[in-house]
Amino acid sequence: MDIEPVDIAPRQSFPWAVLRQRWEDLTFLHWAVAPETVAPLLPVGTRPDTIDGVTYVGLIGFRMVGLGFGRGPAVPYFGTRRCHGTG
């Protein structure tokens, strides 16, 4: 399998989706960490990117809403079934 380069206009298109979902109530948290602390956690042959001598670890929390198959109804327990409103 060839790895497609990252591009704003990928060559491969997806004519239909198997799943659909929305992400709501997103939170992005990042911490500066010493690269030598992160390096052992990465796959062999990779190394952490650094900015000004540190690498950043991130945690992204979100709530999935309306997770379902194709155009069918939302699936209970795999995301919030409500598609509108809060909570």
Protein backbone atom coordinates (compact mmCIF):
# COMPACT_ATOMS: atom_id res chain seq x y z
CA MET A 1 0.00 0.00 0.00
CA ASP A 2 1.38 3.40 -0.98
CA ILE A 3 1.19 6.18 1.57
CA GLU A 4 -0.52 9.20 0.11
CA PRO A 5 1.19 12.52 0.90
CA VAL A 6 -0.69 15.02 3.03
CA ASP A 7 -2.44 17.49 0.74
CA ILE A 8 -5.42 19.84 0.93
CA ALA A 9 -6.87 18.07 -2.13
CA PRO A 10 -6.28 14.31 -1.68
CA ARG A 11 -6.33 12.12 -4.78
CA GLN A 12 -8.46 9.48 -3.11
CA SER A 13 -12.10 10.30 -2.56
CA PHE A 14 -14.69 8.55 -0.44
CA PRO A 15 -18.04 8.25 -2.25
CA TRP A 16 -19.97 7.31 0.92
CA ALA A 17 -19.41 7.21 4.64
CA VAL A 18 -19.94 4.16 6.84
CA LEU A 19 -20.33 6.21 10.03
CA ARG A 20 -21.40 9.74 10.77
CA GLN A 21 -20.80 11.80 13.91
CA ARG A 22 -20.31 15.30 15.21
CA TRP A 23 -17.90 16.44 17.91
CA GLU A 24 -19.19 18.99 20.40
CA ASP A 25 -17.87 20.54 23.62
CA LEU A 26 -14.23 20.19 22.55
CA THR A 27 -11.37 20.89 24.93
CA PHE A 28 -7.73 21.02 23.86
CA LEU A 29 -5.10 20.76 26.62
CA HIS A 30 -1.35 20.84 25.98
CA TRP A 31 1.69 20.45 28.24
CA ALA A 32 5.35 21.18 27.55
CA VAL A 33 7.40 18.05 28.30
CA ALA A 34 11.08 17.16 28.01
CA PRO A 35 11.64 15.21 24.76
CA GLU A 36 13.58 12.48 26.57
CA THR A 37 10.50 11.77 28.68
CA VAL A 38 8.29 11.28 25.61
CA ALA A 39 10.78 9.44 23.35
CA PRO A 40 10.46 5.98 25.00
CA LEU A 41 6.68 6.10 24.45
CA LEU A 42 6.97 6.54 20.67
CA PRO A 43 7.36 3.78 18.06
CA VAL A 44 10.90 2.63 17.30
CA GLY A 45 12.61 4.89 14.78
CA THR A 46 10.59 8.01 15.59
CA ARG A 47 11.52 10.94 17.77
CA PRO A 48 9.45 13.75 19.23
CA ASP A 49 9.19 17.08 17.44
CA THR A 50 10.53 19.96 19.50
CA ILE A 51 9.95 23.68 19.72
CA ASP A 52 12.46 25.70 21.75
CA GLY A 53 13.83 22.48 23.26
CA VAL A 54 10.53 20.99 24.47
CA THR A 55 7.90 18.74 22.98
CA TYR A 56 4.18 19.08 23.62
CA VAL A 57 1.77 16.41 24.79
CA GLY A 58 -1.90 16.98 24.09
CA LEU A 59 -5.21 15.72 25.42
CA ILE A 60 -8.39 16.37 23.43
CA GLY A 61 -11.72 15.77 25.11
CA PHE A 62 -15.01 15.88 23.22
CA ARG A 63 -18.58 14.62 23.19
CA MET A 64 -19.73 12.59 20.17
CA VAL A 65 -23.23 13.47 19.02
CA GLY A 66 -25.43 11.60 16.57
CA LEU A 67 -23.04 8.68 15.97
CA GLY A 68 -24.75 6.31 13.58
CA PHE A 69 -24.39 4.16 10.49
CA GLY A 70 -24.85 5.92 7.17
CA ARG A 71 -28.14 7.82 7.13
CA GLY A 72 -29.74 5.66 9.82
CA PRO A 73 -30.62 6.74 13.36
CA ALA A 74 -28.03 7.41 16.05
CA VAL A 75 -26.79 4.31 17.90
CA PRO A 76 -27.40 4.37 21.68
CA TYR A 77 -24.34 4.18 23.97
CA PHE A 78 -21.88 5.03 21.15
CA GLY A 79 -22.45 8.75 21.48
CA THR A 80 -25.10 11.17 22.58
CA ARG A 81 -28.28 10.41 20.68
CA ARG A 82 -29.57 13.96 20.84
CA CYS A 83 -28.67 15.94 17.78
CA HIS A 84 -29.79 19.37 19.03
CA GLY A 85 -29.52 21.30 22.26
CA THR A 86 -27.03 21.01 25.07
CA GLY A 87 -26.30 18.50 27.78
